[in-house]
Amino acid sequence: MLKIGIAEDDPKIAGLLKSALEESDYQVFTVANGIDALELFLSQSFNLLIIDVMMPGLNGLQLCKHIRQKAVQTPILMLTALGTVDDKVTGLEAGADDYLVKPFHLKEFLARVAALLRRQPAVDAKTGHKLYFEDLSLDTYSKEVSRGGKPIELSAKEFVLLELFMRNPNRLLSRQFIAEQAWNINFETGTNVIDVYINFLRKKIEKDFERKLIHTKINMGYILK
């Protein structure tokens, strides 16, 4: 389930967008002002941010600039009632990836969301040593892993295994592929070492979390989704 943050001070619009996105199987978090939005968007990892221009605290343009100044490359969809060419250019120059003028049809809104999510790289463009998936983050420099902001201690092999999954999200990985990439060995059908380590990893990254991330495809392999 992809994670989307919405900064919108109009409760009716925020509720409508949240419902539409949740019906499309996205996980959605909403805030009503720019200050709270900045704190939330910088403290957690999101797959997409949706920001209204006119908000109290920080307006959408200021919020967008602050986010980009922190080298966060999460796609941003800007929402506004201001629809002139200059307004759109200002939004894009502030760091937005797309610009949608109110009022808009939900069908177009969902299409824009899907298009931005398809463009999103698995690795942050400016901080390529950091990998993100849902609320899970991994830093290949510091070897730090966290989920939902909670630090997770992994062994060296568990770290390599998680990095392999996070570089191949939503892709079914066979035991042969995992053995070659994480162990640099040919997979032997008589051994369960891969299954054992994946169980170790699951216990650490899924403990105390409702959503499970590593799934088993019987007789086929494993997938991070």
C-alpha atoms as a PDB file:
ATOM      1  CA  MET A   1       0.000   0.000   0.000  1.00  0.00           C
ATOM      2  CA  LEU A   2       1.554   3.287  -1.125  1.00  0.00           C
ATOM      3  CA  LYS A   3       1.619   6.155   1.372  1.00  0.00           C
ATOM      4  CA  ILE A   4       0.266   9.602   0.448  1.00  0.00           C
ATOM      5  CA  GLY A   5       0.298  12.808   2.498  1.00  0.00           C
ATOM      6  CA  ILE A   6      -2.277  15.568   1.958  1.00  0.00           C
ATOM      7  CA  ALA A   7      -1.935  19.164   3.170  1.00  0.00           C
ATOM      8  CA  GLU A   8      -5.351  20.817   2.673  1.00  0.00           C
ATOM      9  CA  ASP A   9      -7.099  23.233   5.053  1.00  0.00           C
ATOM     10  CA  ASP A  10     -10.598  22.718   3.631  1.00  0.00           C
ATOM     11  CA  PRO A  11     -11.974  19.691   5.568  1.00  0.00           C
ATOM     12  CA  LYS A  12     -14.539  18.829   2.882  1.00  0.00           C
ATOM     13  CA  ILE A  13     -11.942  18.722   0.101  1.00  0.00           C
ATOM     14  CA  ALA A  14      -9.452  16.877   2.313  1.00  0.00           C
ATOM     15  CA  GLY A  15     -12.085  14.300   3.237  1.00  0.00           C
ATOM     16  CA  LEU A  16     -13.153  13.828  -0.372  1.00  0.00           C
ATOM     17  CA  LEU A  17      -9.578  13.312  -1.591  1.00  0.00           C
ATOM     18  CA  LYS A  18      -8.774  10.979   1.306  1.00  0.00           C
ATOM     19  CA  SER A  19     -11.837   8.819   0.602  1.00  0.00           C
ATOM     20  CA  ALA A  20     -11.096   8.651  -3.142  1.00  0.00           C
ATOM     21  CA  LEU A  21      -7.475   7.646  -2.542  1.00  0.00           C
ATOM     22  CA  GLU A  22      -8.325   5.073   0.119  1.00  0.00           C
ATOM     23  CA  GLU A  23     -10.864   3.513  -2.231  1.00  0.00           C
ATOM     24  CA  SER A  24      -7.938   3.120  -4.661  1.00  0.00           C
ATOM     25  CA  ASP A  25      -5.964   1.269  -1.940  1.00  0.00           C
ATOM     26  CA  TYR A  26      -3.610   4.074  -0.919  1.00  0.00           C
ATOM     27  CA  GLN A  27      -2.729   4.807   2.702  1.00  0.00           C
ATOM     28  CA  VAL A  28      -3.535   8.475   3.342  1.00  0.00           C
ATOM     29  CA  PHE A  29      -2.532  11.006   6.024  1.00  0.00           C
ATOM     30  CA  THR A  30      -4.061  14.503   6.110  1.00  0.00           C
ATOM     31  CA  VAL A  31      -3.053  17.767   7.833  1.00  0.00           C
ATOM     32  CA  ALA A  32      -4.782  21.141   7.738  1.00  0.00           C
ATOM     33  CA  ASN A  33      -1.941  23.673   7.889  1.00  0.00           C
ATOM     34  CA  GLY A  34       1.549  24.174   6.518  1.00  0.00           C
ATOM     35  CA  ILE A  35       3.392  23.970   9.855  1.00  0.00           C
ATOM     36  CA  ASP A  36       1.949  20.556  10.768  1.00  0.00           C
ATOM     37  CA  ALA A  37       2.446  19.402   7.190  1.00  0.00           C
ATOM     38  CA  LEU A  38       6.148  20.283   7.224  1.00  0.00           C
ATOM     39  CA  GLU A  39       6.683  18.376  10.474  1.00  0.00           C
ATOM     40  CA  LEU A  40       4.809  15.311   9.207  1.00  0.00           C
ATOM     41  CA  PHE A  41       6.311  15.244   5.714  1.00  0.00           C
ATOM     42  CA  LEU A  42       9.886  15.510   7.023  1.00  0.00           C
ATOM     43  CA  SER A  43       9.464  12.994   9.841  1.00  0.00           C
ATOM     44  CA  GLN A  44       8.101  10.170   7.690  1.00  0.00           C
ATOM     45  CA  SER A  45       8.680   8.872   4.190  1.00  0.00           C
ATOM     46  CA  PHE A  46       5.839   9.194   1.676  1.00  0.00           C
ATOM     47  CA  ASN A  47       5.376   8.020  -1.896  1.00  0.00           C
ATOM     48  CA  LEU A  48       3.510  11.204  -2.860  1.00  0.00           C
ATOM     49  CA  LEU A  49       2.642  14.577  -1.308  1.00  0.00           C
ATOM     50  CA  ILE A  50      -0.478  16.552  -2.267  1.00  0.00           C
ATOM     51  CA  ILE A  51      -0.282  20.211  -1.215  1.00  0.00           C
ATOM     52  CA  ASP A  52      -2.842  22.996  -1.438  1.00  0.00           C
ATOM     53  CA  VAL A  53      -1.376  26.429  -2.171  1.00  0.00           C
ATOM     54  CA  MET A  54      -3.598  28.493   0.163  1.00  0.00           C
ATOM     55  CA  MET A  55      -3.026  27.275   3.739  1.00  0.00           C
ATOM     56  CA  PRO A  56      -2.463  28.873   7.155  1.00  0.00           C
ATOM     57  CA  GLY A  57       0.939  28.708   8.819  1.00  0.00           C
ATOM     58  CA  LEU A  58       2.999  28.056   5.723  1.00  0.00           C
ATOM     59  CA  ASN A  59       1.350  28.335   2.336  1.00  0.00           C
ATOM     60  CA  GLY A  60       1.813  25.557  -0.181  1.00  0.00           C
ATOM     61  CA  LEU A  61       4.620  27.264  -2.077  1.00  0.00           C
ATOM     62  CA  GLN A  62       6.605  27.885   1.111  1.00  0.00           C
ATOM     63  CA  LEU A  63       5.975  24.323   2.259  1.00  0.00           C
ATOM     64  CA  CYS A  64       7.145  22.938  -1.067  1.00  0.00           C
ATOM     65  CA  LYS A  65      10.345  25.019  -0.940  1.00  0.00           C
ATOM     66  CA  HIS A  66      11.131  23.874   2.612  1.00  0.00           C
ATOM     67  CA  ILE A  67      10.655  20.247   1.622  1.00  0.00           C
ATOM     68  CA  ARG A  68      12.966  20.562  -1.397  1.00  0.00           C
ATOM     69  CA  GLN A  69      15.579  22.407   0.677  1.00  0.00           C
ATOM     70  CA  LYS A  70      15.811  19.251   2.823  1.00  0.00           C
ATOM     71  CA  ALA A  71      16.659  17.258  -0.338  1.00  0.00           C
ATOM     72  CA  VAL A  72      13.388  15.325  -0.126  1.00  0.00           C
ATOM     73  CA  GLN A  73      12.578  14.211  -3.662  1.00  0.00           C
ATOM     74  CA  THR A  74       9.108  12.771  -3.029  1.00  0.00           C
ATOM     75  CA  PRO A  75       6.781  13.718  -5.926  1.00  0.00           C
ATOM     76  CA  ILE A  76       4.542  16.700  -5.132  1.00  0.00           C
ATOM     77  CA  LEU A  77       1.141  17.474  -6.677  1.00  0.00           C
ATOM     78  CA  MET A  78       0.112  21.095  -6.086  1.00  0.00           C
ATOM     79  CA  LEU A  79      -3.593  21.982  -5.792  1.00  0.00           C
ATOM     80  CA  THR A  80      -4.849  25.541  -6.250  1.00  0.00           C
ATOM     81  CA  ALA A  81      -7.699  27.745  -7.436  1.00  0.00           C
ATOM     82  CA  LEU A  82      -5.115  29.955  -9.159  1.00  0.00           C
ATOM     83  CA  GLY A  83      -4.875  28.764 -12.726  1.00  0.00           C
ATOM     84  CA  THR A  84      -2.886  31.275 -14.740  1.00  0.00           C
ATOM     85  CA  VAL A  85       0.284  30.252 -16.516  1.00  0.00           C
ATOM     86  CA  ASP A  86       2.350  32.377 -14.109  1.00  0.00           C
ATOM     87  CA  ASP A  87       0.728  30.646 -11.115  1.00  0.00           C
ATOM     88  CA  LYS A  88       1.587  27.226 -12.542  1.00  0.00           C
ATOM     89  CA  VAL A  89       5.165  28.263 -13.293  1.00  0.00           C
ATOM     90  CA  THR A  90       5.551  29.596  -9.745  1.00  0.00           C
ATOM     91  CA  GLY A  91       4.351  26.279  -8.333  1.00  0.00           C
ATOM     92  CA  LEU A  92       6.705  24.251 -10.507  1.00  0.00           C
ATOM     93  CA  GLU A  93       9.620  26.526  -9.675  1.00  0.00           C
ATOM     94  CA  ALA A  94       8.905  25.992  -5.971  1.00  0.00           C
ATOM     95  CA  GLY A  95       9.534  22.290  -6.509  1.00  0.00           C
ATOM     96  CA  ALA A  96       6.163  20.811  -7.448  1.00  0.00           C
ATOM     97  CA  ASP A  97       6.085  18.009 -10.032  1.00  0.00           C
ATOM     98  CA  ASP A  98       2.541  18.642 -11.227  1.00  0.00           C
ATOM     99  CA  TYR A  99      -0.150  21.301 -10.830  1.00  0.00           C
ATOM    100  CA  LEU A 100      -3.911  20.716 -10.694  1.00  0.00           C
ATOM    101  CA  VAL A 101      -6.384  23.625 -10.778  1.00  0.00           C
ATOM    102  CA  LYS A 102      -9.584  23.560  -8.684  1.00  0.00           C
ATOM    103  CA  PRO A 103     -12.279  22.594  -9.360  1.00  0.00           C
ATOM    104  CA  PHE A 104     -11.188  19.291 -10.893  1.00  0.00           C
ATOM    105  CA  HIS A 105     -12.732  15.898 -11.549  1.00  0.00           C
ATOM    106  CA  LEU A 106     -11.722  13.071  -9.222  1.00  0.00           C
ATOM    107  CA  LYS A 107     -11.008  10.916 -12.267  1.00  0.00           C
ATOM    108  CA  GLU A 108      -8.360  13.381 -13.454  1.00  0.00           C
ATOM    109  CA  PHE A 109      -7.002  13.768  -9.913  1.00  0.00           C
ATOM    110  CA  LEU A 110      -6.531   9.999  -9.533  1.00  0.00           C
ATOM    111  CA  ALA A 111      -4.917   9.804 -12.978  1.00  0.00           C
ATOM    112  CA  ARG A 112      -2.403  12.520 -12.013  1.00  0.00           C
ATOM    113  CA  VAL A 113      -1.665  10.669  -8.760  1.00  0.00           C
ATOM    114  CA  ALA A 114      -1.073   7.390 -10.581  1.00  0.00           C
ATOM    115  CA  ALA A 115       1.178   9.086 -13.143  1.00  0.00           C
ATOM    116  CA  LEU A 116       3.356  10.697 -10.447  1.00  0.00           C
ATOM    117  CA  LEU A 117       3.669   7.436  -8.554  1.00  0.00           C
ATOM    118  CA  ARG A 118       4.825   5.659 -11.720  1.00  0.00           C
ATOM    119  CA  ARG A 119       7.610   8.220 -12.153  1.00  0.00           C
ATOM    120  CA  GLN A 120       8.905   7.881  -8.591  1.00  0.00           C
ATOM    121  CA  PRO A 121      12.365   6.275  -8.379  1.00  0.00           C
ATOM    122  CA  ALA A 122      13.049   3.603  -5.759  1.00  0.00           C
ATOM    123  CA  VAL A 123      16.147   5.563  -4.725  1.00  0.00           C
ATOM    124  CA  ASP A 124      16.159   9.240  -3.789  1.00  0.00           C
ATOM    125  CA  ALA A 125      17.755  11.146  -6.670  1.00  0.00           C
ATOM    126  CA  LYS A 126      19.913  13.389  -4.465  1.00  0.00           C
ATOM    127  CA  THR A 127      20.620  10.926  -1.670  1.00  0.00           C
ATOM    128  CA  GLY A 128      21.123   7.695  -3.577  1.00  0.00           C
ATOM    129  CA  HIS A 129      22.415   5.918  -0.492  1.00  0.00           C
ATOM    130  CA  LYS A 130      18.920   6.037   1.015  1.00  0.00           C
ATOM    131  CA  LEU A 131      16.211   3.573   0.049  1.00  0.00           C
ATOM    132  CA  TYR A 132      12.541   3.914   0.934  1.00  0.00           C
ATOM    133  CA  PHE A 133       9.550   1.603   0.757  1.00  0.00           C
ATOM    134  CA  GLU A 134       6.276   2.498   2.479  1.00  0.00           C
ATOM    135  CA  ASP A 135       7.349   3.593   5.998  1.00  0.00           C
ATOM    136  CA  LEU A 136      10.577   1.571   5.802  1.00  0.00           C
ATOM    137  CA  SER A 137      13.915   3.328   5.211  1.00  0.00           C
ATOM    138  CA  LEU A 138      17.457   2.032   4.753  1.00  0.00           C
ATOM    139  CA  ASP A 139      20.717   4.004   4.582  1.00  0.00           C
ATOM    140  CA  THR A 140      23.518   2.134   2.799  1.00  0.00           C
ATOM    141  CA  TYR A 141      26.140   4.569   4.195  1.00  0.00           C
ATOM    142  CA  SER A 142      25.306   4.493   7.900  1.00  0.00           C
ATOM    143  CA  LYS A 143      23.748   1.004   7.737  1.00  0.00           C
ATOM    144  CA  GLU A 144      20.751   2.350   9.646  1.00  0.00           C
ATOM    145  CA  VAL A 145      17.270   0.908   9.141  1.00  0.00           C
ATOM    146  CA  SER A 146      14.005   2.238  10.518  1.00  0.00           C
ATOM    147  CA  ARG A 147      10.310   1.685  10.079  1.00  0.00           C
ATOM    148  CA  GLY A 148       7.799   4.362  11.002  1.00  0.00           C
ATOM    149  CA  GLY A 149      10.694   6.274  12.535  1.00  0.00           C
ATOM    150  CA  LYS A 150      11.545   3.363  14.853  1.00  0.00           C
ATOM    151  CA  PRO A 151      15.201   2.155  14.549  1.00  0.00           C
ATOM    152  CA  ILE A 152      15.684  -1.529  13.681  1.00  0.00           C
ATOM    153  CA  GLU A 153      18.888  -3.424  14.416  1.00  0.00           C
ATOM    154  CA  LEU A 154      19.844  -5.922  11.699  1.00  0.00           C
ATOM    155  CA  SER A 155      22.718  -8.339  11.324  1.00  0.00           C
ATOM    156  CA  ALA A 156      25.045  -7.850   8.347  1.00  0.00           C
ATOM    157  CA  LYS A 157      23.322 -10.564   6.317  1.00  0.00           C
ATOM    158  CA  GLU A 158      19.840  -9.346   7.220  1.00  0.00           C
ATOM    159  CA  PHE A 159      20.847  -5.872   6.064  1.00  0.00           C
ATOM    160  CA  VAL A 160      22.078  -7.197   2.712  1.00  0.00           C
ATOM    161  CA  LEU A 161      18.849  -9.143   2.304  1.00  0.00           C
ATOM    162  CA  LEU A 162      16.646  -6.149   3.077  1.00  0.00           C
ATOM    163  CA  GLU A 163      18.645  -3.941   0.709  1.00  0.00           C
ATOM    164  CA  LEU A 164      18.099  -6.517  -2.039  1.00  0.00           C
ATOM    165  CA  PHE A 165      14.332  -6.425  -1.477  1.00  0.00           C
ATOM    166  CA  MET A 166      14.221  -2.619  -1.327  1.00  0.00           C
ATOM    167  CA  ARG A 167      16.128  -2.319  -4.607  1.00  0.00           C
ATOM    168  CA  ASN A 168      13.555  -4.653  -6.172  1.00  0.00           C
ATOM    169  CA  PRO A 169      10.182  -3.589  -4.734  1.00  0.00           C
ATOM    170  CA  ASN A 170       7.024  -5.304  -6.007  1.00  0.00           C
ATOM    171  CA  ARG A 171       9.196  -7.846  -7.823  1.00  0.00           C
ATOM    172  CA  LEU A 172       9.014 -11.568  -7.099  1.00  0.00           C
ATOM    173  CA  LEU A 173      12.514 -12.763  -6.151  1.00  0.00           C
ATOM    174  CA  SER A 174      13.266 -16.448  -6.562  1.00  0.00           C
ATOM    175  CA  ARG A 175      15.421 -18.292  -4.018  1.00  0.00           C
ATOM    176  CA  GLN A 176      18.002 -18.739  -6.778  1.00  0.00           C
ATOM    177  CA  PHE A 177      18.158 -14.988  -7.364  1.00  0.00           C
ATOM    178  CA  ILE A 178      18.386 -14.231  -3.638  1.00  0.00           C
ATOM    179  CA  ALA A 179      21.167 -16.808  -3.181  1.00  0.00           C
ATOM    180  CA  GLU A 180      23.193 -15.352  -6.048  1.00  0.00           C
ATOM    181  CA  GLN A 181      22.709 -11.709  -5.060  1.00  0.00           C
ATOM    182  CA  ALA A 182      22.845 -11.863  -1.251  1.00  0.00           C
ATOM    183  CA  TRP A 183      25.083 -14.883  -0.715  1.00  0.00           C
ATOM    184  CA  ASN A 184      26.969 -15.009  -4.020  1.00  0.00           C
ATOM    185  CA  ILE A 185      26.321 -18.759  -4.170  1.00  0.00           C
ATOM    186  CA  ASN A 186      24.222 -21.136  -6.246  1.00  0.00           C
ATOM    187  CA  PHE A 187      20.987 -22.095  -4.527  1.00  0.00           C
ATOM    188  CA  GLU A 188      20.849 -25.648  -3.233  1.00  0.00           C
ATOM    189  CA  THR A 189      17.325 -26.996  -2.968  1.00  0.00           C
ATOM    190  CA  GLY A 190      18.213 -29.028   0.106  1.00  0.00           C
ATOM    191  CA  THR A 191      19.012 -26.009   2.270  1.00  0.00           C
ATOM    192  CA  ASN A 192      16.611 -23.660   4.024  1.00  0.00           C
ATOM    193  CA  VAL A 193      19.154 -20.958   4.892  1.00  0.00           C
ATOM    194  CA  ILE A 194      17.366 -18.351   2.766  1.00  0.00           C
ATOM    195  CA  ASP A 195      14.002 -19.098   4.355  1.00  0.00           C
ATOM    196  CA  VAL A 196      15.547 -18.918   7.827  1.00  0.00           C
ATOM    197  CA  TYR A 197      17.118 -15.501   7.221  1.00  0.00           C
ATOM    198  CA  ILE A 198      13.962 -14.122   5.654  1.00  0.00           C
ATOM    199  CA  ASN A 199      12.051 -15.222   8.745  1.00  0.00           C
ATOM    200  CA  PHE A 200      14.659 -13.441  10.909  1.00  0.00           C
ATOM    201  CA  LEU A 201      14.220 -10.308   8.795  1.00  0.00           C
ATOM    202  CA  ARG A 202      10.431 -10.478   8.885  1.00  0.00           C
ATOM    203  CA  LYS A 203      10.360 -10.674  12.670  1.00  0.00           C
ATOM    204  CA  LYS A 204      12.449  -7.508  12.933  1.00  0.00           C
ATOM    205  CA  ILE A 205      10.770  -5.283  10.331  1.00  0.00           C
ATOM    206  CA  GLU A 206       7.195  -6.466  10.921  1.00  0.00           C
ATOM    207  CA  LYS A 207       7.143  -6.745  14.723  1.00  0.00           C
ATOM    208  CA  ASP A 208       4.575  -4.348  16.242  1.00  0.00           C
ATOM    209  CA  PHE A 209       3.367  -3.342  12.753  1.00  0.00           C
ATOM    210  CA  GLU A 210      -0.018  -4.360  11.388  1.00  0.00           C
ATOM    211  CA  ARG A 211       1.030  -4.326   7.721  1.00  0.00           C
ATOM    212  CA  LYS A 212       3.256  -7.150   6.533  1.00  0.00           C
ATOM    213  CA  LEU A 213       5.755  -6.245   3.822  1.00  0.00           C
ATOM    214  CA  ILE A 214       7.581  -9.448   2.823  1.00  0.00           C
ATOM    215  CA  HIS A 215       5.214 -11.989   1.302  1.00  0.00           C
ATOM    216  CA  THR A 216       5.764 -15.611   0.313  1.00  0.00           C
ATOM    217  CA  LYS A 217       4.777 -17.035  -3.061  1.00  0.00           C
ATOM    218  CA  ILE A 218       4.727 -20.773  -2.464  1.00  0.00           C
ATOM    219  CA  ASN A 219       7.291 -22.642  -4.585  1.00  0.00           C
ATOM    220  CA  MET A 220       8.202 -19.367  -6.315  1.00  0.00           C
ATOM    221  CA  GLY A 221       9.998 -17.029  -3.904  1.00  0.00           C
ATOM    222  CA  TYR A 222       9.419 -13.819  -1.967  1.00  0.00           C
ATOM    223  CA  ILE A 223       8.187 -10.316  -2.747  1.00  0.00           C
ATOM    224  CA  LEU A 224       8.322  -6.948  -0.964  1.00  0.00           C
ATOM    225  CA  LYS A 225       4.951  -5.284  -1.487  1.00  0.00           C
END
